[in-house]
């Protein structure tokens, strides 16, 4: 995810050439300009007659297209924001569980390192899990981490390392990890329907093809610039929506899941290990949990 100052207009504008939307649409916008130039040339210099396409038709089509694009972008942003809320909940649950375990465990309890390792493993495992291609077989590593956490809690309660009433306080927090996983998987595994997305692209293309016929009688060759701007605005919104509707990848506008995972793991180690938070915990036994692929 790009970190930037929204008040720094210069930084935002200078980034335009690197924008994925701009780079993707560059040749398409030029193509829209070439098409508008051909229409203008044919009507003004060859046929000397304009296609009887009044501005009212373009206005009606523009209103319909605008409504479709608003709904499209709102739906995509809702998916992005729901994913961000889920990862915010994950960070809060990790901290809350770390606070509870820190209060319930003895200061020198060896289980602290085990819990810290598992709590640091879960967000990294979830990020890697959400980036796997749909339908790819393999172990569900986040479930394995939560399973190991739940077993560790019950094992420590049975051994007396945790009081028996700890299960009442800790169980809702453990269940919250499953809630986060479920929300993220729902977003990941339910893309925008193909027919809806393809229809908007087709509508934008048709509108771009028809637009010059309505503009040339009034603007002449100036309709070339107008057509390019309109095409960039409409198709740009569609591409932007397509980019943010899948928020768990590694694109420039995806969620900063790696940073959030790192923060959750760091907080868990700080709270449970205190002064030893910086000590590596790679030697902690996490057998049966699974190994998450490192998210790049």
Foldseek 3Di string as FASTA:
>chain_A
DDDDDPVPVVVVVVCQVVDPLCVVCVVVLVVLLVLLQVQLCCCVPNVVHFDPDAVVVLVVLVVVLVVLLVVLLVLLVVLQVLLVVLLVVLLVLLLVLLQLCLVFADLPDPCLLVSLVLQLQQLQQLLLVLADDPPDDDDSLNVLSLVVVVVVVVVCCVVVRGPPCVCVVCVVSSVSSVVSSVSSVVLSVDADDPVSLVVSVVSLVVSSNCQSSHCCVPQRSVVSVVSSVSSSVSVSSSVVSVVRSSQSAPDPRHDPSVVSSVVSSLSSLCSRVPPCSVPDSVVPDPPRSDDHDGHD
